[in-house]
């Protein structure tokens, strides 16, 4: 999940590192996006709920992407016609 700070977050930028440390698995990166989180979850519904709850706090805008493990990728490729 990539996260970008909102104007609200930037007004309180000194608190950003405290909030980021409170979120497990968040790594600070420079540039775009502002933050990158690698989140493992058993299904997409859990990820959607997490992203929506996080964004509803008003500090970040979220963008999610699905990643496949090498095993999952190999299985997909093997099933191609």
Protein backbone atom coordinates (compact mmCIF):
# COMPACT_ATOMS: atom_id res chain seq x y z
CA UNK A 1 0.00 0.00 0.00
CA UNK A 2 1.32 3.42 -0.85
CA UNK A 3 0.31 6.38 1.28
CA UNK A 4 0.50 10.09 0.65
CA UNK A 5 0.16 12.73 3.34
CA UNK A 6 -2.89 14.99 3.27
CA UNK A 7 -2.77 18.70 3.99
CA UNK A 8 -4.05 17.88 7.49
CA UNK A 9 -1.07 15.60 8.09
CA UNK A 10 1.40 18.14 6.76
CA UNK A 11 0.10 20.79 9.17
CA UNK A 12 1.06 18.38 11.97
CA UNK A 13 4.14 16.90 10.30
CA UNK A 14 6.03 16.53 13.59
CA UNK A 15 3.49 13.92 14.66
CA UNK A 16 3.85 11.89 11.44
CA UNK A 17 6.78 9.78 12.66
CA UNK A 18 4.85 8.92 15.83
CA UNK A 19 1.85 7.79 13.78
CA UNK A 20 4.05 5.85 11.36
CA UNK A 21 5.81 4.02 14.20
CA UNK A 22 2.42 3.07 15.60
CA UNK A 23 1.55 1.28 12.33
CA UNK A 24 3.26 -2.10 12.11
CA UNK A 25 5.14 -2.71 8.90
CA UNK A 26 5.38 0.89 7.71
CA UNK A 27 8.65 1.90 6.09
CA UNK A 28 9.47 5.53 5.41
CA UNK A 29 10.56 6.25 1.84
CA UNK A 30 11.41 9.51 0.12
CA UNK A 31 9.52 10.88 -2.85
CA UNK A 32 6.26 9.58 -4.21
CA UNK A 33 4.66 7.89 -2.34
CA UNK A 34 5.37 9.47 1.04
CA UNK A 35 5.12 6.10 2.83
CA UNK A 36 5.06 2.49 1.73
CA UNK A 37 3.47 -0.28 3.79
CA UNK A 38 3.74 -3.97 2.98
CA UNK A 39 0.67 -5.59 4.48
CA UNK A 40 -0.06 -9.30 4.47
CA UNK A 41 -3.69 -10.29 4.86
CA UNK A 42 -5.67 -13.46 4.13
CA UNK A 43 -8.08 -11.69 1.76
CA UNK A 44 -8.79 -8.49 -0.12
CA UNK A 45 -11.74 -7.56 2.10
CA UNK A 46 -9.42 -7.18 5.09
CA UNK A 47 -7.09 -4.97 3.05
CA UNK A 48 -9.95 -2.78 1.85
CA UNK A 49 -11.23 -2.33 5.41
CA UNK A 50 -7.73 -1.46 6.65
CA UNK A 51 -7.14 1.08 3.87
CA UNK A 52 -10.53 2.71 4.36
CA UNK A 53 -10.16 2.93 8.14
CA UNK A 54 -6.66 4.39 7.80
CA UNK A 55 -7.75 6.95 5.20
CA UNK A 56 -10.84 7.90 7.23
CA UNK A 57 -8.56 9.36 9.90
CA UNK A 58 -7.70 12.12 7.43
CA UNK A 59 -3.90 11.92 7.54
CA UNK A 60 -3.20 9.90 4.39
CA UNK A 61 -4.62 8.93 1.04
CA UNK A 62 -4.10 5.26 0.29
CA UNK A 63 -3.48 3.21 -2.83
CA UNK A 64 -3.32 -0.56 -2.74
CA UNK A 65 -1.81 -3.15 -5.07
CA UNK A 66 -1.99 -6.93 -5.00
CA UNK A 67 1.31 -8.84 -4.97
CA UNK A 68 1.73 -12.51 -5.76
CA UNK A 69 4.36 -14.78 -4.26
CA UNK A 70 6.70 -16.57 -6.67
CA UNK A 71 4.80 -19.80 -6.07
CA UNK A 72 1.46 -18.13 -6.84
CA UNK A 73 2.92 -16.55 -9.98
CA UNK A 74 4.34 -19.85 -11.19
CA UNK A 75 0.96 -21.51 -10.67
CA UNK A 76 -0.78 -18.78 -12.70
CA UNK A 77 1.73 -19.14 -15.53
CA UNK A 78 1.41 -22.94 -15.50
CA UNK A 79 -2.36 -22.61 -15.95
CA UNK A 80 -2.08 -20.46 -19.08
CA UNK A 81 -3.35 -22.09 -22.30
